[in-house]
Amino acid sequence: MHPDPFLQALPVGTNLPKALRALHSTGGFYSGRCSVTPGKGWLAKLALRFAGMPSRGDDIPVRLRVEQEGNAWIWMRDFDGHITRSRLTLEQGMGCVREQFGQVSVWLKPVFANDRLEIEILRFSLLRIPFPKVLLPQSKTVEWQDDEGRFLFDVSARMPLVGALIRYQGWLTFDHAGTRVD
């Protein structure tokens, strides 16, 4: 089993906090709590529907199942019963991660600084149609470890002409290891 695409896209020798390294190194099951705030406009709601993202929820249970499937990693997020599946692969030519949510593909660049993993959006496509840079969503996604050793996340995205798309933030702890799926 090799590290997930986020670790592969980081410079060799990047020293992530233990909780981040664990989540991005091995498959397994995680659980915790989070809050979800979707965008308000109809365009935001349509975009979230295409991506299979959840609706609003405050302090809801969240589970994450991470497994490797060949060269891809599958993340199954369970937001209090709403399942969001994404497929992550390394785009070696670009040195970034491609994450696919249903009909949405996002090319992401992880950057580690100040004990936090920040995720930048490089490209975006919907229904395989690439968006021009002027319409590229912006992300303020951050992952870090708290004093209790939990994996914390704050994922947000907004889009020109649309506004806020979604924000979900919370924490996860490791439950148990998963198995490799080929």
N, C-alpha and C. Protein backbone atom coordinates (compact mmCIF):
# COMPACT_ATOMS: atom_id res chain seq x y z
N MET A 1 0.86 -1.18 0.00
CA MET A 1 0.00 0.00 0.00
C MET A 1 0.90 1.24 0.00
N HIS A 2 0.62 2.15 -0.90
CA HIS A 2 1.39 3.40 -0.94
C HIS A 2 0.55 4.52 -0.35
N PRO A 3 1.21 5.62 0.04
CA PRO A 3 0.47 6.74 0.64
C PRO A 3 -0.59 7.28 -0.32
N ASP A 4 -1.57 7.96 0.23
CA ASP A 4 -2.61 8.53 -0.63
C ASP A 4 -2.02 9.65 -1.48
N PRO A 5 -2.75 10.10 -2.50
CA PRO A 5 -2.21 11.11 -3.42
C PRO A 5 -1.78 12.41 -2.77
N PHE A 6 -2.42 12.81 -1.67
CA PHE A 6 -2.00 14.06 -1.01
C PHE A 6 -0.57 13.94 -0.50
N LEU A 7 -0.23 12.82 0.13
CA LEU A 7 1.14 12.63 0.61
C LEU A 7 2.11 12.53 -0.55
N GLN A 8 1.69 11.87 -1.63
CA GLN A 8 2.57 11.73 -2.79
C GLN A 8 2.84 13.08 -3.46
N ALA A 9 1.90 14.00 -3.38
CA ALA A 9 2.06 15.31 -4.02
C ALA A 9 2.89 16.28 -3.18
N LEU A 10 3.09 15.96 -1.91
CA LEU A 10 3.92 16.82 -1.05
C LEU A 10 5.40 16.54 -1.29
N PRO A 11 6.27 17.51 -1.01
CA PRO A 11 7.71 17.26 -1.14
C PRO A 11 8.16 16.10 -0.24
N VAL A 12 9.10 15.32 -0.74
CA VAL A 12 9.65 14.21 0.04
C VAL A 12 10.21 14.75 1.36
N GLY A 13 9.93 14.06 2.44
CA GLY A 13 10.44 14.47 3.74
C GLY A 13 9.54 15.42 4.51
N THR A 14 8.37 15.76 3.95
CA THR A 14 7.43 16.62 4.67
C THR A 14 7.01 15.91 5.96
N ASN A 15 7.16 16.57 7.07
CA ASN A 15 6.90 15.97 8.38
C ASN A 15 5.54 16.41 8.91
N LEU A 16 4.51 15.68 8.52
CA LEU A 16 3.15 15.98 8.96
C LEU A 16 2.93 15.54 10.41
N PRO A 17 2.02 16.21 11.13
CA PRO A 17 1.62 15.73 12.45
C PRO A 17 1.07 14.30 12.34
N LYS A 18 1.18 13.55 13.42
CA LYS A 18 0.83 12.13 13.43
C LYS A 18 -0.57 11.84 12.90
N ALA A 19 -1.57 12.60 13.31
CA ALA A 19 -2.96 12.34 12.89
C ALA A 19 -3.12 12.53 11.38
N LEU A 20 -2.47 13.53 10.80
CA LEU A 20 -2.55 13.76 9.36
C LEU A 20 -1.82 12.67 8.60
N ARG A 21 -0.61 12.34 9.06
CA ARG A 21 0.16 11.29 8.40
C ARG A 21 -0.60 9.97 8.41
N ALA A 22 -1.22 9.63 9.54
CA ALA A 22 -1.96 8.37 9.65
C ALA A 22 -3.12 8.33 8.66
N LEU A 23 -3.92 9.38 8.62
CA LEU A 23 -5.09 9.39 7.74
C LEU A 23 -4.67 9.31 6.28
N HIS A 24 -3.57 9.95 5.92
CA HIS A 24 -3.13 9.97 4.52
C HIS A 24 -2.18 8.84 4.16
N SER A 25 -1.91 7.93 5.10
CA SER A 25 -0.97 6.84 4.83
C SER A 25 -1.61 5.47 4.71
N THR A 26 -2.71 5.26 5.41
CA THR A 26 -3.30 3.93 5.44
C THR A 26 -4.81 4.01 5.30
N GLY A 27 -5.37 2.93 4.82
CA GLY A 27 -6.82 2.83 4.78
C GLY A 27 -7.35 2.61 6.18
N GLY A 28 -8.62 2.84 6.36
CA GLY A 28 -9.21 2.59 7.67
C GLY A 28 -10.52 3.30 7.85
N PHE A 29 -11.01 3.23 9.07
CA PHE A 29 -12.28 3.82 9.43
C PHE A 29 -12.06 4.88 10.50
N TYR A 30 -12.69 6.02 10.33
CA TYR A 30 -12.56 7.15 11.24
C TYR A 30 -13.96 7.63 11.60
N SER A 31 -14.10 8.23 12.77
CA SER A 31 -15.39 8.80 13.14
C SER A 31 -15.17 10.05 13.98
N GLY A 32 -16.19 10.90 13.99
CA GLY A 32 -16.11 12.14 14.75
C GLY A 32 -17.39 12.93 14.62
N ARG A 33 -17.26 14.24 14.66
CA ARG A 33 -18.40 15.16 14.58
C ARG A 33 -18.06 16.27 13.61
N CYS A 34 -19.08 16.85 12.99
CA CYS A 34 -18.83 18.00 12.13
C CYS A 34 -20.10 18.83 11.97
N SER A 35 -19.91 20.00 11.41
CA SER A 35 -21.02 20.88 11.04
C SER A 35 -20.89 21.17 9.55
N VAL A 36 -22.03 21.20 8.87
CA VAL A 36 -22.07 21.42 7.42
C VAL A 36 -22.94 22.64 7.15
N THR A 37 -22.40 23.59 6.37
CA THR A 37 -23.14 24.77 5.97
C THR A 37 -23.08 24.88 4.45
N PRO A 38 -24.18 24.57 3.75
CA PRO A 38 -24.18 24.68 2.29
C PRO A 38 -24.40 26.12 1.84
N GLY A 39 -24.02 26.40 0.60
CA GLY A 39 -24.30 27.71 0.02
C GLY A 39 -25.80 27.91 -0.11
N LYS A 40 -26.23 29.17 -0.28
CA LYS A 40 -27.66 29.49 -0.24
C LYS A 40 -28.33 29.62 -1.61
N GLY A 41 -27.61 30.03 -2.61
CA GLY A 41 -28.23 30.27 -3.90
C GLY A 41 -28.54 28.99 -4.67
N TRP A 42 -29.39 29.11 -5.68
CA TRP A 42 -29.77 27.93 -6.45
C TRP A 42 -28.60 27.36 -7.23
N LEU A 43 -27.67 28.20 -7.68
CA LEU A 43 -26.49 27.69 -8.39
C LEU A 43 -25.60 26.89 -7.45
N ALA A 44 -25.46 27.35 -6.23
CA ALA A 44 -24.66 26.62 -5.24
C ALA A 44 -25.32 25.27 -4.95
N LYS A 45 -26.63 25.27 -4.79
CA LYS A 45 -27.34 24.02 -4.51
C LYS A 45 -27.23 23.04 -5.67
N LEU A 46 -27.28 23.55 -6.89
CA LEU A 46 -27.13 22.70 -8.06
C LEU A 46 -25.72 22.10 -8.12
N ALA A 47 -24.71 22.92 -7.87
CA ALA A 47 -23.32 22.43 -7.88
C ALA A 47 -23.12 21.36 -6.80
N LEU A 48 -23.68 21.57 -5.62
CA LEU A 48 -23.54 20.60 -4.54
C LEU A 48 -24.26 19.30 -4.86
N ARG A 49 -25.37 19.41 -5.56
CA ARG A 49 -26.10 18.20 -5.97
C ARG A 49 -25.27 17.37 -6.94
N PHE A 50 -24.64 18.04 -7.92
CA PHE A 50 -23.78 17.33 -8.88
C PHE A 50 -22.63 16.63 -8.16
N ALA A 51 -22.13 17.24 -7.10
CA ALA A 51 -20.99 16.67 -6.35
C ALA A 51 -21.44 15.67 -5.28
N GLY A 52 -22.74 15.57 -5.05
CA GLY A 52 -23.24 14.63 -4.05
C GLY A 52 -22.95 15.05 -2.62
N MET A 53 -22.86 16.34 -2.39
CA MET A 53 -22.52 16.85 -1.06
C MET A 53 -23.75 16.91 -0.15
N PRO A 54 -23.54 16.92 1.16
CA PRO A 54 -24.65 16.90 2.11
C PRO A 54 -25.32 18.25 2.28
N SER A 55 -26.49 18.22 2.91
CA SER A 55 -27.18 19.47 3.27
C SER A 55 -26.74 19.89 4.66
N ARG A 56 -27.35 20.91 5.17
CA ARG A 56 -26.98 21.50 6.46
C ARG A 56 -27.06 20.49 7.61
N GLY A 57 -26.14 20.67 8.56
CA GLY A 57 -26.16 19.87 9.78
C GLY A 57 -25.23 20.49 10.81
N ASP A 58 -25.69 20.59 12.04
CA ASP A 58 -24.87 21.15 13.12
C ASP A 58 -24.48 20.04 14.09
N ASP A 59 -23.19 19.90 14.34
CA ASP A 59 -22.66 18.92 15.27
C ASP A 59 -23.24 17.53 15.01
N ILE A 60 -23.11 17.08 13.77
CA ILE A 60 -23.64 15.78 13.37
C ILE A 60 -22.52 14.74 13.39
N PRO A 61 -22.89 13.46 13.52
CA PRO A 61 -21.87 12.43 13.43
C PRO A 61 -21.33 12.34 12.00
N VAL A 62 -20.04 12.11 11.88
CA VAL A 62 -19.42 11.92 10.57
C VAL A 62 -18.50 10.70 10.66
N ARG A 63 -18.53 9.91 9.61
CA ARG A 63 -17.64 8.76 9.51
C ARG A 63 -16.91 8.85 8.18
N LEU A 64 -15.69 8.38 8.18
CA LEU A 64 -14.89 8.36 6.96
C LEU A 64 -14.30 6.97 6.80
N ARG A 65 -14.51 6.41 5.63
CA ARG A 65 -13.89 5.13 5.27
C ARG A 65 -12.91 5.43 4.15
N VAL A 66 -11.65 5.07 4.36
CA VAL A 66 -10.59 5.32 3.38
C VAL A 66 -10.05 3.97 2.93
N GLU A 67 -10.04 3.75 1.61
CA GLU A 67 -9.48 2.50 1.10
C GLU A 67 -8.79 2.73 -0.23
N GLN A 68 -7.80 1.90 -0.47
CA GLN A 68 -7.07 1.98 -1.72
C GLN A 68 -7.69 1.01 -2.72
N GLU A 69 -7.83 1.49 -3.95
CA GLU A 69 -8.41 0.68 -5.02
C GLU A 69 -7.49 0.83 -6.23
N GLY A 70 -6.52 -0.07 -6.35
CA GLY A 70 -5.50 0.08 -7.40
C GLY A 70 -4.64 1.29 -7.10
N ASN A 71 -4.52 2.20 -8.07
CA ASN A 71 -3.74 3.43 -7.86
C ASN A 71 -4.58 4.57 -7.29
N ALA A 72 -5.85 4.32 -7.09
CA ALA A 72 -6.75 5.36 -6.57
C ALA A 72 -7.06 5.10 -5.10
N TRP A 73 -7.45 6.17 -4.42
CA TRP A 73 -7.93 6.08 -3.05
C TRP A 73 -9.40 6.50 -3.05
N ILE A 74 -10.21 5.76 -2.35
CA ILE A 74 -11.65 6.06 -2.26
C ILE A 74 -11.93 6.56 -0.85
N TRP A 75 -12.56 7.73 -0.78
CA TRP A 75 -12.99 8.29 0.50
C TRP A 75 -14.52 8.26 0.51
N MET A 76 -15.08 7.52 1.47
CA MET A 76 -16.53 7.47 1.66
C MET A 76 -16.83 8.23 2.94
N ARG A 77 -17.45 9.40 2.77
CA ARG A 77 -17.82 10.22 3.92
C ARG A 77 -19.30 9.99 4.22
N ASP A 78 -19.60 9.73 5.47
CA ASP A 78 -20.98 9.53 5.90
C ASP A 78 -21.33 10.66 6.86
N PHE A 79 -22.05 11.65 6.33
CA PHE A 79 -22.48 12.79 7.13
C PHE A 79 -23.87 12.47 7.69
N ASP A 80 -23.93 11.81 8.84
CA ASP A 80 -25.19 11.49 9.49
C ASP A 80 -26.17 10.82 8.54
N GLY A 81 -25.68 9.85 7.76
CA GLY A 81 -26.53 9.11 6.83
C GLY A 81 -26.44 9.55 5.38
N HIS A 82 -25.89 10.72 5.11
CA HIS A 82 -25.70 11.17 3.73
C HIS A 82 -24.29 10.76 3.29
N ILE A 83 -24.23 9.90 2.28
CA ILE A 83 -22.94 9.37 1.81
C ILE A 83 -22.42 10.23 0.67
N THR A 84 -21.17 10.67 0.80
CA THR A 84 -20.46 11.38 -0.25
C THR A 84 -19.21 10.58 -0.56
N ARG A 85 -19.09 10.16 -1.81
CA ARG A 85 -17.95 9.34 -2.23
C ARG A 85 -17.07 10.15 -3.15
N SER A 86 -15.77 10.05 -2.93
CA SER A 86 -14.84 10.68 -3.86
C SER A 86 -13.71 9.71 -4.18
N ARG A 87 -13.14 9.91 -5.35
CA ARG A 87 -12.03 9.08 -5.85
C ARG A 87 -10.84 10.00 -6.04
N LEU A 88 -9.72 9.67 -5.39
CA LEU A 88 -8.53 10.51 -5.45
C LEU A 88 -7.41 9.79 -6.20
N THR A 89 -6.79 10.50 -7.13
CA THR A 89 -5.65 9.97 -7.86
C THR A 89 -4.58 11.05 -7.94
N LEU A 90 -3.33 10.60 -8.11
CA LEU A 90 -2.22 11.53 -8.27
C LEU A 90 -2.10 11.89 -9.74
N GLU A 91 -2.07 13.18 -10.04
CA GLU A 91 -1.82 13.66 -11.40
C GLU A 91 -0.33 13.99 -11.46
N GLN A 92 0.49 13.01 -11.84
CA GLN A 92 1.93 13.15 -11.74
C GLN A 92 2.47 14.31 -12.56
N GLY A 93 1.95 14.52 -13.75
CA GLY A 93 2.44 15.60 -14.60
C GLY A 93 2.23 16.98 -13.98
N MET A 94 1.19 17.11 -13.17
CA MET A 94 0.89 18.40 -12.54
C MET A 94 1.36 18.44 -11.09
N GLY A 95 1.74 17.29 -10.53
CA GLY A 95 2.15 17.24 -9.12
C GLY A 95 1.02 17.60 -8.18
N CYS A 96 -0.19 17.16 -8.53
CA CYS A 96 -1.35 17.49 -7.70
C CYS A 96 -2.27 16.29 -7.60
N VAL A 97 -3.36 16.46 -6.89
CA VAL A 97 -4.35 15.42 -6.65
C VAL A 97 -5.60 15.75 -7.44
N ARG A 98 -6.15 14.74 -8.11
CA ARG A 98 -7.45 14.92 -8.76
C ARG A 98 -8.47 14.19 -7.89
N GLU A 99 -9.47 14.94 -7.44
CA GLU A 99 -10.54 14.36 -6.64
C GLU A 99 -11.84 14.46 -7.42
N GLN A 100 -12.50 13.32 -7.60
CA GLN A 100 -13.75 13.27 -8.35
C GLN A 100 -14.91 13.00 -7.39
N PHE A 101 -15.90 13.90 -7.45
CA PHE A 101 -17.15 13.77 -6.70
C PHE A 101 -18.26 13.68 -7.74
N GLY A 102 -18.74 12.52 -8.06
CA GLY A 102 -19.80 12.42 -9.06
C GLY A 102 -19.35 13.05 -10.37
N GLN A 103 -20.09 14.05 -10.84
CA GLN A 103 -19.80 14.71 -12.11
C GLN A 103 -18.81 15.87 -11.97
N VAL A 104 -18.26 16.05 -10.78
CA VAL A 104 -17.33 17.15 -10.51
C VAL A 104 -15.92 16.60 -10.32
N SER A 105 -14.94 17.23 -10.97
CA SER A 105 -13.53 16.91 -10.74
C SER A 105 -12.82 18.17 -10.29
N VAL A 106 -11.97 18.01 -9.27
CA VAL A 106 -11.21 19.13 -8.73
C VAL A 106 -9.75 18.71 -8.65
N TRP A 107 -8.85 19.56 -9.15
CA TRP A 107 -7.42 19.31 -9.08
C TRP A 107 -6.88 20.14 -7.92
N LEU A 108 -6.26 19.47 -6.96
CA LEU A 108 -5.88 20.07 -5.68
C LEU A 108 -4.38 20.01 -5.45
N LYS A 109 -3.85 21.06 -4.88
CA LYS A 109 -2.42 21.14 -4.54
C LYS A 109 -2.30 21.25 -3.03
N PRO A 110 -1.73 20.22 -2.37
CA PRO A 110 -1.51 20.32 -0.93
C PRO A 110 -0.24 21.11 -0.62
N VAL A 111 -0.31 21.97 0.38
CA VAL A 111 0.84 22.77 0.82
C VAL A 111 0.90 22.66 2.34
N PHE A 112 2.05 22.23 2.87
CA PHE A 112 2.19 22.09 4.31
C PHE A 112 3.00 23.26 4.86
N ALA A 113 2.41 23.98 5.82
CA ALA A 113 3.08 25.12 6.46
C ALA A 113 2.47 25.34 7.84
N ASN A 114 3.30 25.70 8.81
CA ASN A 114 2.83 26.02 10.16
C ASN A 114 1.99 24.90 10.78
N ASP A 115 2.43 23.66 10.60
CA ASP A 115 1.75 22.47 11.15
C ASP A 115 0.35 22.26 10.60
N ARG A 116 0.07 22.84 9.45
CA ARG A 116 -1.24 22.69 8.81
C ARG A 116 -1.07 22.29 7.36
N LEU A 117 -1.97 21.45 6.89
CA LEU A 117 -2.00 21.08 5.48
C LEU A 117 -3.09 21.91 4.83
N GLU A 118 -2.69 22.80 3.93
CA GLU A 118 -3.64 23.64 3.21
C GLU A 118 -3.82 23.07 1.82
N ILE A 119 -5.04 23.11 1.32
CA ILE A 119 -5.36 22.54 0.02
C ILE A 119 -5.85 23.65 -0.90
N GLU A 120 -5.15 23.83 -2.01
CA GLU A 120 -5.50 24.86 -2.99
C GLU A 120 -6.15 24.21 -4.21
N ILE A 121 -7.11 24.88 -4.82
CA ILE A 121 -7.74 24.39 -6.04
C ILE A 121 -6.98 24.94 -7.24
N LEU A 122 -6.53 24.03 -8.12
CA LEU A 122 -5.82 24.44 -9.34
C LEU A 122 -6.71 24.44 -10.57
N ARG A 123 -7.60 23.44 -10.65
CA ARG A 123 -8.51 23.30 -11.79
C ARG A 123 -9.83 22.74 -11.30
N PHE A 124 -10.85 22.88 -12.16
CA PHE A 124 -12.19 22.43 -11.79
C PHE A 124 -12.93 22.10 -13.07
N SER A 125 -13.67 20.98 -13.06
CA SER A 125 -14.53 20.68 -14.21
C SER A 125 -15.86 20.12 -13.72
N LEU A 126 -16.89 20.39 -14.47
CA LEU A 126 -18.23 19.89 -14.20
C LEU A 126 -18.72 19.24 -15.48
N LEU A 127 -19.18 18.00 -15.38
CA LEU A 127 -19.60 17.24 -16.56
C LEU A 127 -18.48 17.18 -17.60
N ARG A 128 -17.24 17.09 -17.12
CA ARG A 128 -16.02 17.03 -17.94
C ARG A 128 -15.72 18.32 -18.70
N ILE A 129 -16.42 19.38 -18.38
CA ILE A 129 -16.18 20.67 -19.01
C ILE A 129 -15.31 21.50 -18.06
N PRO A 130 -14.07 21.83 -18.48
CA PRO A 130 -13.21 22.62 -17.59
C PRO A 130 -13.70 24.05 -17.46
N PHE A 131 -13.58 24.58 -16.26
CA PHE A 131 -13.96 25.96 -16.01
C PHE A 131 -12.77 26.87 -16.28
N PRO A 132 -13.00 28.06 -16.85
CA PRO A 132 -11.89 29.00 -17.02
C PRO A 132 -11.41 29.50 -15.65
N LYS A 133 -10.17 29.96 -15.61
CA LYS A 133 -9.57 30.41 -14.34
C LYS A 133 -10.41 31.47 -13.65
N VAL A 134 -11.07 32.34 -14.41
CA VAL A 134 -11.86 33.41 -13.81
C VAL A 134 -13.05 32.85 -13.02
N LEU A 135 -13.50 31.63 -13.35
CA LEU A 135 -14.62 31.01 -12.65
C LEU A 135 -14.17 29.91 -11.68
N LEU A 136 -12.87 29.77 -11.51
CA LEU A 136 -12.32 28.72 -10.66
C LEU A 136 -12.75 28.92 -9.20
N PRO A 137 -13.29 27.87 -8.57
CA PRO A 137 -13.63 27.99 -7.15
C PRO A 137 -12.39 28.26 -6.30
N GLN A 138 -12.59 28.96 -5.20
CA GLN A 138 -11.51 29.17 -4.24
C GLN A 138 -11.82 28.33 -3.01
N SER A 139 -10.74 27.80 -2.43
CA SER A 139 -10.89 26.95 -1.25
C SER A 139 -10.05 27.48 -0.11
N LYS A 140 -10.56 27.33 1.08
CA LYS A 140 -9.80 27.64 2.29
C LYS A 140 -9.74 26.37 3.13
N THR A 141 -9.42 25.27 2.48
CA THR A 141 -9.39 23.98 3.15
C THR A 141 -8.10 23.79 3.94
N VAL A 142 -8.26 23.38 5.19
CA VAL A 142 -7.12 23.19 6.09
C VAL A 142 -7.33 21.92 6.91
N GLU A 143 -6.25 21.17 7.10
CA GLU A 143 -6.25 20.01 7.99
C GLU A 143 -5.14 20.21 9.01
N TRP A 144 -5.39 19.82 10.27
CA TRP A 144 -4.37 19.94 11.30
C TRP A 144 -4.69 18.97 12.43
N GLN A 145 -3.81 18.90 13.40
CA GLN A 145 -3.99 18.04 14.57
C GLN A 145 -4.17 18.90 15.80
N ASP A 146 -5.17 18.55 16.63
CA ASP A 146 -5.36 19.33 17.86
C ASP A 146 -4.53 18.74 19.00
N ASP A 147 -4.63 19.35 20.17
CA ASP A 147 -3.84 18.93 21.34
C ASP A 147 -4.22 17.53 21.82
N GLU A 148 -5.41 17.05 21.44
CA GLU A 148 -5.85 15.71 21.83
C GLU A 148 -5.41 14.66 20.81
N GLY A 149 -4.72 15.08 19.75
CA GLY A 149 -4.26 14.15 18.72
C GLY A 149 -5.30 13.83 17.67
N ARG A 150 -6.41 14.59 17.65
CA ARG A 150 -7.47 14.34 16.67
C ARG A 150 -7.12 15.01 15.34
N PHE A 151 -7.63 14.44 14.27
CA PHE A 151 -7.52 15.01 12.93
C PHE A 151 -8.63 16.05 12.80
N LEU A 152 -8.27 17.31 12.59
CA LEU A 152 -9.26 18.38 12.42
C LEU A 152 -9.28 18.82 10.96
N PHE A 153 -10.46 19.22 10.50
CA PHE A 153 -10.61 19.67 9.12
C PHE A 153 -11.56 20.86 9.07
N ASP A 154 -11.28 21.74 8.13
CA ASP A 154 -12.15 22.88 7.84
C ASP A 154 -12.12 23.04 6.33
N VAL A 155 -13.16 22.56 5.68
CA VAL A 155 -13.25 22.54 4.22
C VAL A 155 -14.25 23.58 3.78
N SER A 156 -13.82 24.51 2.95
CA SER A 156 -14.77 25.49 2.43
C SER A 156 -14.43 25.80 0.98
N ALA A 157 -15.46 26.12 0.24
CA ALA A 157 -15.28 26.49 -1.16
C ALA A 157 -16.31 27.55 -1.52
N ARG A 158 -15.86 28.49 -2.33
CA ARG A 158 -16.74 29.52 -2.88
C ARG A 158 -16.39 29.70 -4.34
N MET A 159 -17.31 30.26 -5.09
CA MET A 159 -17.12 30.37 -6.52
C MET A 159 -17.55 31.75 -7.00
N PRO A 160 -16.76 32.34 -7.90
CA PRO A 160 -17.17 33.62 -8.46
C PRO A 160 -18.58 33.51 -9.08
N LEU A 161 -19.36 34.54 -8.94
CA LEU A 161 -20.73 34.64 -9.44
C LEU A 161 -21.73 33.76 -8.69
N VAL A 162 -21.24 32.84 -7.85
CA VAL A 162 -22.12 31.94 -7.10
C VAL A 162 -22.07 32.25 -5.61
N GLY A 163 -20.89 32.56 -5.11
CA GLY A 163 -20.70 32.78 -3.68
C GLY A 163 -20.29 31.50 -2.98
N ALA A 164 -20.65 31.39 -1.72
CA ALA A 164 -20.27 30.21 -0.93
C ALA A 164 -20.94 28.96 -1.50
N LEU A 165 -20.14 27.90 -1.66
CA LEU A 165 -20.67 26.61 -2.10
C LEU A 165 -20.96 25.73 -0.89
N ILE A 166 -19.94 25.55 -0.05
CA ILE A 166 -20.10 24.70 1.12
C ILE A 166 -18.98 24.96 2.12
N ARG A 167 -19.26 24.66 3.36
CA ARG A 167 -18.24 24.62 4.39
C ARG A 167 -18.60 23.48 5.33
N TYR A 168 -17.64 22.61 5.58
CA TYR A 168 -17.84 21.61 6.62
C TYR A 168 -16.57 21.52 7.44
N GLN A 169 -16.78 21.48 8.75
CA GLN A 169 -15.65 21.52 9.68
C GLN A 169 -15.93 20.60 10.85
N GLY A 170 -14.86 19.99 11.36
CA GLY A 170 -15.03 19.09 12.48
C GLY A 170 -13.76 18.33 12.80
N TRP A 171 -13.93 17.15 13.36
CA TRP A 171 -12.79 16.34 13.78
C TRP A 171 -13.08 14.87 13.55
N LEU A 172 -11.99 14.09 13.45
CA LEU A 172 -12.07 12.64 13.28
C LEU A 172 -11.03 11.97 14.16
N THR A 173 -11.35 10.77 14.62
CA THR A 173 -10.36 9.91 15.28
C THR A 173 -10.37 8.56 14.58
N PHE A 174 -9.25 7.88 14.66
CA PHE A 174 -9.09 6.57 14.02
C PHE A 174 -9.89 5.53 14.79
N ASP A 175 -10.70 4.74 14.07
CA ASP A 175 -11.46 3.66 14.70
C ASP A 175 -10.72 2.33 14.55
N HIS A 176 -10.49 1.93 13.30
CA HIS A 176 -9.75 0.69 13.05
C HIS A 176 -9.29 0.65 11.60
N ALA A 177 -8.33 -0.22 11.35
CA ALA A 177 -7.76 -0.34 10.01
C ALA A 177 -8.75 -0.98 9.07
N GLY A 178 -8.63 -0.62 7.82
CA GLY A 178 -9.45 -1.22 6.78
C GLY A 178 -8.65 -2.25 6.04
N THR A 179 -9.23 -2.74 4.97
CA THR A 179 -8.53 -3.69 4.13
C THR A 179 -8.38 -3.10 2.74
N ARG A 180 -7.39 -3.56 2.04
CA ARG A 180 -7.13 -3.06 0.69
C ARG A 180 -8.16 -3.65 -0.26
N VAL A 181 -8.66 -2.86 -1.18
CA VAL A 181 -9.62 -3.30 -2.17
C VAL A 181 -8.97 -3.17 -3.53
N ASP A 182 -8.85 -4.26 -4.26
CA ASP A 182 -8.25 -4.23 -5.62
C ASP A 182 -9.26 -4.60 -6.67
